[in-house]
C-alpha atoms as a PDB file:
ATOM      1  CA  LEU A   1     -27.811   9.858  39.469  1.00  0.00           C
ATOM      2  CA  PHE A   2     -24.178  10.509  40.626  1.00  0.00           C
ATOM      3  CA  LYS A   3     -25.435  12.592  43.561  1.00  0.00           C
ATOM      4  CA  ARG A   4     -27.912   9.895  44.507  1.00  0.00           C
ATOM      5  CA  TYR A   5     -25.159   7.282  44.886  1.00  0.00           C
ATOM      6  CA  GLY A   6     -22.531   9.653  46.198  1.00  0.00           C
ATOM      7  CA  ILE A   7     -20.250   9.351  43.236  1.00  0.00           C
ATOM      8  CA  GLU A   8     -17.884  12.278  42.906  1.00  0.00           C
ATOM      9  CA  ILE A   9     -17.624  13.906  39.426  1.00  0.00           C
ATOM     10  CA  LEU A  10     -14.083  14.779  38.469  1.00  0.00           C
ATOM     11  CA  LEU A  11     -13.377  17.106  35.634  1.00  0.00           C
ATOM     12  CA  SER A  12     -10.267  16.691  33.494  1.00  0.00           C
ATOM     13  CA  ASN A  13      -8.938  17.621  30.078  1.00  0.00           C
ATOM     14  CA  ASP A  14      -7.417  14.130  29.781  1.00  0.00           C
ATOM     15  CA  ASP A  15      -9.593  11.836  27.766  1.00  0.00           C
ATOM     16  CA  THR A  16      -7.313   8.797  27.960  1.00  0.00           C
ATOM     17  CA  ASP A  17      -9.571   6.864  30.314  1.00  0.00           C
ATOM     18  CA  ILE A  18     -12.576   7.463  28.069  1.00  0.00           C
ATOM     19  CA  ARG A  19     -10.789   6.374  24.952  1.00  0.00           C
ATOM     20  CA  LYS A  20      -9.454   3.260  26.740  1.00  0.00           C
ATOM     21  CA  CYS A  21     -12.998   2.449  27.834  1.00  0.00           C
ATOM     22  CA  LEU A  22     -14.197   2.752  24.204  1.00  0.00           C
ATOM     23  CA  LEU A  23     -11.279   0.462  23.161  1.00  0.00           C
ATOM     24  CA  SER A  24     -12.289  -2.118  25.745  1.00  0.00           C
ATOM     25  CA  GLY A  25     -15.591  -2.563  23.902  1.00  0.00           C
ATOM     26  CA  LEU A  26     -14.410  -1.979  20.360  1.00  0.00           C
ATOM     27  CA  PHE A  27     -11.020  -3.743  20.388  1.00  0.00           C
ATOM     28  CA  VAL A  28     -11.946  -5.938  17.506  1.00  0.00           C
ATOM     29  CA  ASN A  29     -12.583  -2.825  15.411  1.00  0.00           C
ATOM     30  CA  ALA A  30      -9.015  -1.435  15.612  1.00  0.00           C
ATOM     31  CA  ALA A  31      -7.115  -0.288  12.562  1.00  0.00           C
ATOM     32  CA  TYR A  32      -3.790   1.169  11.631  1.00  0.00           C
ATOM     33  CA  TYR A  33      -2.724   3.599   8.908  1.00  0.00           C
ATOM     34  CA  HIS A  34      -0.924   1.750   6.166  1.00  0.00           C
ATOM     35  CA  HIS A  35       1.767   3.369   3.952  1.00  0.00           C
ATOM     36  CA  THR A  36      -0.452   2.787   0.956  1.00  0.00           C
ATOM     37  CA  GLY A  37      -2.831   5.417   2.194  1.00  0.00           C
ATOM     38  CA  VAL A  38      -5.599   3.211   3.584  1.00  0.00           C
ATOM     39  CA  TYR A  39      -6.285   1.859   7.038  1.00  0.00           C
ATOM     40  CA  LYS A  40      -6.129  -1.933   7.764  1.00  0.00           C
ATOM     41  CA  THR A  41      -7.618  -3.873  10.488  1.00  0.00           C
ATOM     42  CA  PHE A  42      -5.084  -5.650  12.736  1.00  0.00           C
ATOM     43  CA  ARG A  43      -6.511  -9.098  12.511  1.00  0.00           C
ATOM     44  CA  ASP A  44      -7.278  -9.451   8.858  1.00  0.00           C
ATOM     45  CA  ASP A  45      -5.813  -6.541   6.970  1.00  0.00           C
ATOM     46  CA  PHE A  46      -9.204  -5.465   5.766  1.00  0.00           C
ATOM     47  CA  ASN A  47      -8.920  -2.096   3.811  1.00  0.00           C
ATOM     48  CA  LEU A  48     -10.794   0.890   5.226  1.00  0.00           C
ATOM     49  CA  SER A  49     -10.848   4.577   4.898  1.00  0.00           C
ATOM     50  CA  ILE A  50     -12.049   7.402   7.128  1.00  0.00           C
ATOM     51  CA  HIS A  51     -15.428   8.638   6.198  1.00  0.00           C
ATOM     52  CA  PRO A  52     -15.155  12.050   4.370  1.00  0.00           C
ATOM     53  CA  SER A  53     -17.443  13.719   6.882  1.00  0.00           C
ATOM     54  CA  SER A  54     -15.175  12.892   9.845  1.00  0.00           C
ATOM     55  CA  VAL A  55     -13.054  15.634  11.455  1.00  0.00           C
ATOM     56  CA  LEU A  56     -10.176  13.156  11.370  1.00  0.00           C
ATOM     57  CA  VAL A  57     -10.227  12.676   7.613  1.00  0.00           C
ATOM     58  CA  SER A  58      -7.268  15.124   7.085  1.00  0.00           C
ATOM     59  CA  GLU A  59      -5.375  14.168  10.243  1.00  0.00           C
ATOM     60  CA  ARG A  60      -4.470  10.499   9.430  1.00  0.00           C
ATOM     61  CA  PRO A  61      -4.010   9.199  13.012  1.00  0.00           C
ATOM     62  CA  LYS A  62      -1.810   6.114  13.184  1.00  0.00           C
ATOM     63  CA  TYR A  63      -4.214   4.000  15.163  1.00  0.00           C
ATOM     64  CA  VAL A  64      -8.086   4.195  15.488  1.00  0.00           C
ATOM     65  CA  ILE A  65     -11.074   2.257  16.627  1.00  0.00           C
ATOM     66  CA  PHE A  66     -14.393   2.570  14.831  1.00  0.00           C
ATOM     67  CA  ASN A  67     -17.970   1.677  15.544  1.00  0.00           C
ATOM     68  CA  GLU A  68     -19.412   1.240  12.070  1.00  0.00           C
ATOM     69  CA  VAL A  69     -18.289   0.477   8.491  1.00  0.00           C
ATOM     70  CA  LEU A  70     -20.291   2.040   5.709  1.00  0.00           C
ATOM     71  CA  GLY A  71     -19.888   0.271   2.367  1.00  0.00           C
ATOM     72  CA  SER A  72     -20.046   2.242  -0.831  1.00  0.00           C
ATOM     73  CA  SER A  73     -17.309   2.804  -3.448  1.00  0.00           C
ATOM     74  CA  GLN A  74     -14.960   2.284  -0.399  1.00  0.00           C
ATOM     75  CA  ASN A  75     -15.406   0.863   3.067  1.00  0.00           C
ATOM     76  CA  TYR A  76     -15.632   3.864   5.342  1.00  0.00           C
ATOM     77  CA  MET A  77     -15.153   3.842   9.076  1.00  0.00           C
ATOM     78  CA  LYS A  78     -17.576   5.937  11.042  1.00  0.00           C
ATOM     79  CA  ASP A  79     -17.613   6.956  14.767  1.00  0.00           C
ATOM     80  CA  ILE A  80     -13.779   6.943  15.028  1.00  0.00           C
ATOM     81  CA  THR A  81     -11.666   7.313  18.082  1.00  0.00           C
ATOM     82  CA  VAL A  82      -7.815   7.822  18.087  1.00  0.00           C
ATOM     83  CA  ILE A  83      -5.917   5.239  20.230  1.00  0.00           C
ATOM     84  CA  GLU A  84      -2.380   4.385  21.033  1.00  0.00           C
ATOM     85  CA  SER A  85      -1.013   0.987  19.802  1.00  0.00           C
ATOM     86  CA  ASP A  86       0.251  -0.084  23.183  1.00  0.00           C
ATOM     87  CA  TRP A  87      -3.331   0.153  24.583  1.00  0.00           C
ATOM     88  CA  LEU A  88      -4.283  -2.778  22.464  1.00  0.00           C
ATOM     89  CA  LEU A  89      -2.130  -5.148  24.472  1.00  0.00           C
ATOM     90  CA  GLU A  90      -3.053  -3.379  27.748  1.00  0.00           C
ATOM     91  CA  VAL A  91      -6.722  -3.585  27.143  1.00  0.00           C
ATOM     92  CA  ALA A  92      -7.197  -6.653  24.974  1.00  0.00           C
ATOM     93  CA  SER A  93      -4.019  -8.840  25.225  1.00  0.00           C
ATOM     94  CA  HIS A  94      -6.108 -11.929  24.762  1.00  0.00           C
ATOM     95  CA  TYR A  95      -7.057 -10.763  21.293  1.00  0.00           C
ATOM     96  CA  TYR A  96      -3.766  -9.191  20.146  1.00  0.00           C
ATOM     97  CA  VAL A  97      -1.211 -11.393  21.968  1.00  0.00           C
ATOM     98  CA  ASN A  98      -0.037 -12.966  18.634  1.00  0.00           C
ATOM     99  CA  LYS A  99      -0.243  -9.888  16.482  1.00  0.00           C
ATOM    100  CA  PHE A 100       2.768  -7.580  16.406  1.00  0.00           C
ATOM    101  CA  VAL A 101       1.923  -4.087  17.574  1.00  0.00           C
ATOM    102  CA  THR A 102       4.383  -1.154  17.599  1.00  0.00           C
ATOM    103  CA  SER A 103       4.043   2.509  18.558  1.00  0.00           C
END
């Protein structure tokens, strides 16, 4: 498909653009790590945890986006991507303009 339309394929070890692209579609599903040991969504402080099967469960990244919440004994985030807090204002300022975000 790329060849058909003459689009150059560039290889890179930097996944920033891909993660920002995911954030542009999942910005409402952003959460931050809270000092109590759970993640909280930015807009409504909804408590979440990383699903135990995730490779990120032991890393505790500061900021994540997620695609799905699995409810059981806890609310588990699935399909998680690590993000940077300043991307929230860059990608979705219309949504986060009144929410304080720090790095």
